[in-house]
Amino acid sequence: MLVQLHKHQAQGHCCVLVSASLDIYLEPWAKHVGFNYCIATTLAVNSSGLVNGKLHGKNCHGQEKARRVSILLEELGLPNFTYAYGDTKADIPILEMADEGYWVRNKHRRLVRFINTKKG
């Protein structure tokens, strides 16, 4: 997937990492490899500034991924996005939003074109 990411970066595409993983470790990695944005699950912090074991907002999973991407697109003034990659059923809402969605098959780590029945 890093090879695919670098291809998109070389073409000047805006690259967004969207994950249910925690932002506390995902954001530094995303910045390191050159993602423009990172959308992830966030831990809640109490009034003393300590993590309290709860989530701030919803877990960035399934439909929540799609909702957050829609918010980012609106903030950036973009009508849609072209490419999306996923490797779990929770990624289907994102794959359905994209013009071109790709399923990463876990067994061989190869890309398979996602057939989007909603876009025709």
C-alpha atoms as a PDB file:
ATOM      1  CA  MET A   1       0.000   0.000   0.000  1.00  0.00           C
ATOM      2  CA  LEU A   2       2.923   2.366   0.555  1.00  0.00           C
ATOM      3  CA  VAL A   3       3.839   1.955  -3.120  1.00  0.00           C
ATOM      4  CA  GLN A   4       0.278   2.916  -4.045  1.00  0.00           C
ATOM      5  CA  LEU A   5       0.400   5.884  -1.647  1.00  0.00           C
ATOM      6  CA  HIS A   6       3.635   7.128  -3.217  1.00  0.00           C
ATOM      7  CA  LYS A   7       2.075   6.881  -6.700  1.00  0.00           C
ATOM      8  CA  HIS A   8      -0.808   9.089  -5.584  1.00  0.00           C
ATOM      9  CA  GLN A   9       1.554  11.551  -3.896  1.00  0.00           C
ATOM     10  CA  ALA A  10       3.686  11.761  -7.056  1.00  0.00           C
ATOM     11  CA  GLN A  11       0.533  12.713  -8.984  1.00  0.00           C
ATOM     12  CA  GLY A  12      -0.230  15.471  -6.479  1.00  0.00           C
ATOM     13  CA  HIS A  13      -3.307  13.801  -5.016  1.00  0.00           C
ATOM     14  CA  CYS A  14      -4.565  14.792  -1.579  1.00  0.00           C
ATOM     15  CA  CYS A  15      -4.133  11.636   0.513  1.00  0.00           C
ATOM     16  CA  VAL A  16      -6.244  10.953   3.599  1.00  0.00           C
ATOM     17  CA  LEU A  17      -5.775   8.092   6.039  1.00  0.00           C
ATOM     18  CA  VAL A  18      -9.073   7.012   7.622  1.00  0.00           C
ATOM     19  CA  SER A  19      -8.934   4.424  10.387  1.00  0.00           C
ATOM     20  CA  ALA A  20     -10.622   3.180  13.532  1.00  0.00           C
ATOM     21  CA  SER A  21      -7.152   3.036  15.106  1.00  0.00           C
ATOM     22  CA  LEU A  22      -6.223   5.647  17.691  1.00  0.00           C
ATOM     23  CA  ASP A  23      -5.018   9.027  16.487  1.00  0.00           C
ATOM     24  CA  ILE A  24      -2.398   9.248  19.233  1.00  0.00           C
ATOM     25  CA  TYR A  25      -0.072   6.922  17.326  1.00  0.00           C
ATOM     26  CA  LEU A  26      -1.616   6.968  13.855  1.00  0.00           C
ATOM     27  CA  GLU A  27      -1.291  10.720  13.239  1.00  0.00           C
ATOM     28  CA  PRO A  28       2.521  10.835  13.718  1.00  0.00           C
ATOM     29  CA  TRP A  29       2.942   7.869  11.374  1.00  0.00           C
ATOM     30  CA  ALA A  30       0.556   9.360   8.794  1.00  0.00           C
ATOM     31  CA  LYS A  31       2.506  12.615   8.864  1.00  0.00           C
ATOM     32  CA  HIS A  32       5.803  10.722   8.552  1.00  0.00           C
ATOM     33  CA  VAL A  33       4.725   8.916   5.367  1.00  0.00           C
ATOM     34  CA  GLY A  34       3.156  12.040   3.865  1.00  0.00           C
ATOM     35  CA  PHE A  35      -0.608  11.797   4.247  1.00  0.00           C
ATOM     36  CA  ASN A  36      -2.271  15.198   3.979  1.00  0.00           C
ATOM     37  CA  TYR A  37      -4.901  14.342   6.592  1.00  0.00           C
ATOM     38  CA  CYS A  38      -5.524  11.644   9.169  1.00  0.00           C
ATOM     39  CA  ILE A  39      -9.021  10.826  10.388  1.00  0.00           C
ATOM     40  CA  ALA A  40      -8.989   8.398  13.310  1.00  0.00           C
ATOM     41  CA  THR A  41     -10.565   7.457  16.617  1.00  0.00           C
ATOM     42  CA  THR A  42      -9.737   9.905  19.418  1.00  0.00           C
ATOM     43  CA  LEU A  43      -9.422   9.257  23.130  1.00  0.00           C
ATOM     44  CA  ALA A  44     -11.324  11.522  25.502  1.00  0.00           C
ATOM     45  CA  VAL A  45      -9.402  13.705  27.942  1.00  0.00           C
ATOM     46  CA  ASN A  46     -10.798  14.790  31.317  1.00  0.00           C
ATOM     47  CA  SER A  47     -10.676  18.314  32.783  1.00  0.00           C
ATOM     48  CA  SER A  48      -7.205  17.588  34.218  1.00  0.00           C
ATOM     49  CA  GLY A  49      -5.881  16.775  30.762  1.00  0.00           C
ATOM     50  CA  LEU A  50      -5.636  13.038  31.428  1.00  0.00           C
ATOM     51  CA  VAL A  51      -6.934  10.313  29.136  1.00  0.00           C
ATOM     52  CA  ASN A  52      -9.959   8.823  30.864  1.00  0.00           C
ATOM     53  CA  GLY A  53     -10.349   5.562  28.950  1.00  0.00           C
ATOM     54  CA  LYS A  54     -13.326   6.741  26.888  1.00  0.00           C
ATOM     55  CA  LEU A  55     -13.605   7.892  23.307  1.00  0.00           C
ATOM     56  CA  HIS A  56     -14.025  11.489  22.239  1.00  0.00           C
ATOM     57  CA  GLY A  57     -16.896  11.143  19.791  1.00  0.00           C
ATOM     58  CA  LYS A  58     -17.610   7.906  17.991  1.00  0.00           C
ATOM     59  CA  ASN A  59     -15.233   5.155  16.988  1.00  0.00           C
ATOM     60  CA  CYS A  60     -14.113   5.927  13.414  1.00  0.00           C
ATOM     61  CA  HIS A  61     -15.528   2.697  12.010  1.00  0.00           C
ATOM     62  CA  GLY A  62     -17.942   1.828   9.201  1.00  0.00           C
ATOM     63  CA  GLN A  63     -20.495   4.569   8.556  1.00  0.00           C
ATOM     64  CA  GLU A  64     -18.615   6.898  10.906  1.00  0.00           C
ATOM     65  CA  LYS A  65     -15.658   6.783   8.497  1.00  0.00           C
ATOM     66  CA  ALA A  66     -17.927   7.886   5.658  1.00  0.00           C
ATOM     67  CA  ARG A  67     -19.485  10.639   7.777  1.00  0.00           C
ATOM     68  CA  ARG A  68     -16.090  12.059   8.730  1.00  0.00           C
ATOM     69  CA  VAL A  69     -14.803  11.924   5.162  1.00  0.00           C
ATOM     70  CA  SER A  70     -17.934  13.790   4.041  1.00  0.00           C
ATOM     71  CA  ILE A  71     -17.199  16.495   6.611  1.00  0.00           C
ATOM     72  CA  LEU A  72     -13.601  16.829   5.387  1.00  0.00           C
ATOM     73  CA  LEU A  73     -14.734  17.029   1.756  1.00  0.00           C
ATOM     74  CA  GLU A  74     -17.162  19.795   2.681  1.00  0.00           C
ATOM     75  CA  GLU A  75     -14.468  21.688   4.609  1.00  0.00           C
ATOM     76  CA  LEU A  76     -12.138  21.443   1.606  1.00  0.00           C
ATOM     77  CA  GLY A  77     -14.891  22.445  -0.821  1.00  0.00           C
ATOM     78  CA  LEU A  78     -14.590  19.206  -2.775  1.00  0.00           C
ATOM     79  CA  PRO A  79     -17.633  17.440  -4.230  1.00  0.00           C
ATOM     80  CA  ASN A  80     -16.173  13.922  -4.022  1.00  0.00           C
ATOM     81  CA  PHE A  81     -13.005  11.866  -4.043  1.00  0.00           C
ATOM     82  CA  THR A  82     -11.637   9.526  -6.640  1.00  0.00           C
ATOM     83  CA  TYR A  83      -9.768   6.668  -4.966  1.00  0.00           C
ATOM     84  CA  ALA A  84     -10.388   4.640  -1.818  1.00  0.00           C
ATOM     85  CA  TYR A  85      -8.748   1.527  -0.443  1.00  0.00           C
ATOM     86  CA  GLY A  86     -10.078  -0.815   2.202  1.00  0.00           C
ATOM     87  CA  ASP A  87      -9.376  -4.202   3.709  1.00  0.00           C
ATOM     88  CA  THR A  88     -12.385  -4.897   5.947  1.00  0.00           C
ATOM     89  CA  LYS A  89     -16.173  -4.852   5.659  1.00  0.00           C
ATOM     90  CA  ALA A  90     -16.122  -1.672   7.756  1.00  0.00           C
ATOM     91  CA  ASP A  91     -14.500   0.072   4.767  1.00  0.00           C
ATOM     92  CA  ILE A  92     -17.414  -0.597   2.401  1.00  0.00           C
ATOM     93  CA  PRO A  93     -19.112   2.781   3.118  1.00  0.00           C
ATOM     94  CA  ILE A  94     -15.902   4.568   2.046  1.00  0.00           C
ATOM     95  CA  LEU A  95     -15.455   2.338  -1.016  1.00  0.00           C
ATOM     96  CA  GLU A  96     -19.031   3.107  -2.050  1.00  0.00           C
ATOM     97  CA  MET A  97     -18.386   6.857  -1.854  1.00  0.00           C
ATOM     98  CA  ALA A  98     -15.334   6.802  -4.121  1.00  0.00           C
ATOM     99  CA  ASP A  99     -15.277   6.912  -7.892  1.00  0.00           C
ATOM    100  CA  GLU A 100     -12.784   4.024  -7.750  1.00  0.00           C
ATOM    101  CA  GLY A 101     -12.696   1.750  -4.730  1.00  0.00           C
ATOM    102  CA  TYR A 102     -10.175  -1.013  -4.200  1.00  0.00           C
ATOM    103  CA  TRP A 103     -10.341  -3.944  -1.817  1.00  0.00           C
ATOM    104  CA  VAL A 104      -6.975  -5.060  -0.445  1.00  0.00           C
ATOM    105  CA  ARG A 105      -7.125  -8.826  -0.215  1.00  0.00           C
ATOM    106  CA  ASN A 106      -5.479  -9.877   3.016  1.00  0.00           C
ATOM    107  CA  LYS A 107      -4.301 -13.288   1.876  1.00  0.00           C
ATOM    108  CA  HIS A 108      -2.074 -12.016  -0.937  1.00  0.00           C
ATOM    109  CA  ARG A 109      -2.103  -8.247  -0.169  1.00  0.00           C
ATOM    110  CA  ARG A 110      -3.145  -7.491  -3.719  1.00  0.00           C
ATOM    111  CA  LEU A 111      -5.653  -4.917  -4.912  1.00  0.00           C
ATOM    112  CA  VAL A 112      -8.991  -5.970  -6.318  1.00  0.00           C
ATOM    113  CA  ARG A 113     -11.359  -3.442  -7.875  1.00  0.00           C
ATOM    114  CA  PHE A 114     -14.427  -2.925  -5.674  1.00  0.00           C
ATOM    115  CA  ILE A 115     -17.611  -3.126  -7.728  1.00  0.00           C
ATOM    116  CA  ASN A 116     -19.739  -0.238  -6.578  1.00  0.00           C
ATOM    117  CA  THR A 117     -23.351  -1.165  -7.209  1.00  0.00           C
ATOM    118  CA  LYS A 118     -24.573   2.162  -5.801  1.00  0.00           C
ATOM    119  CA  LYS A 119     -22.771   4.261  -8.421  1.00  0.00           C
ATOM    120  CA  GLY A 120     -23.642   2.001 -11.337  1.00  0.00           C
END
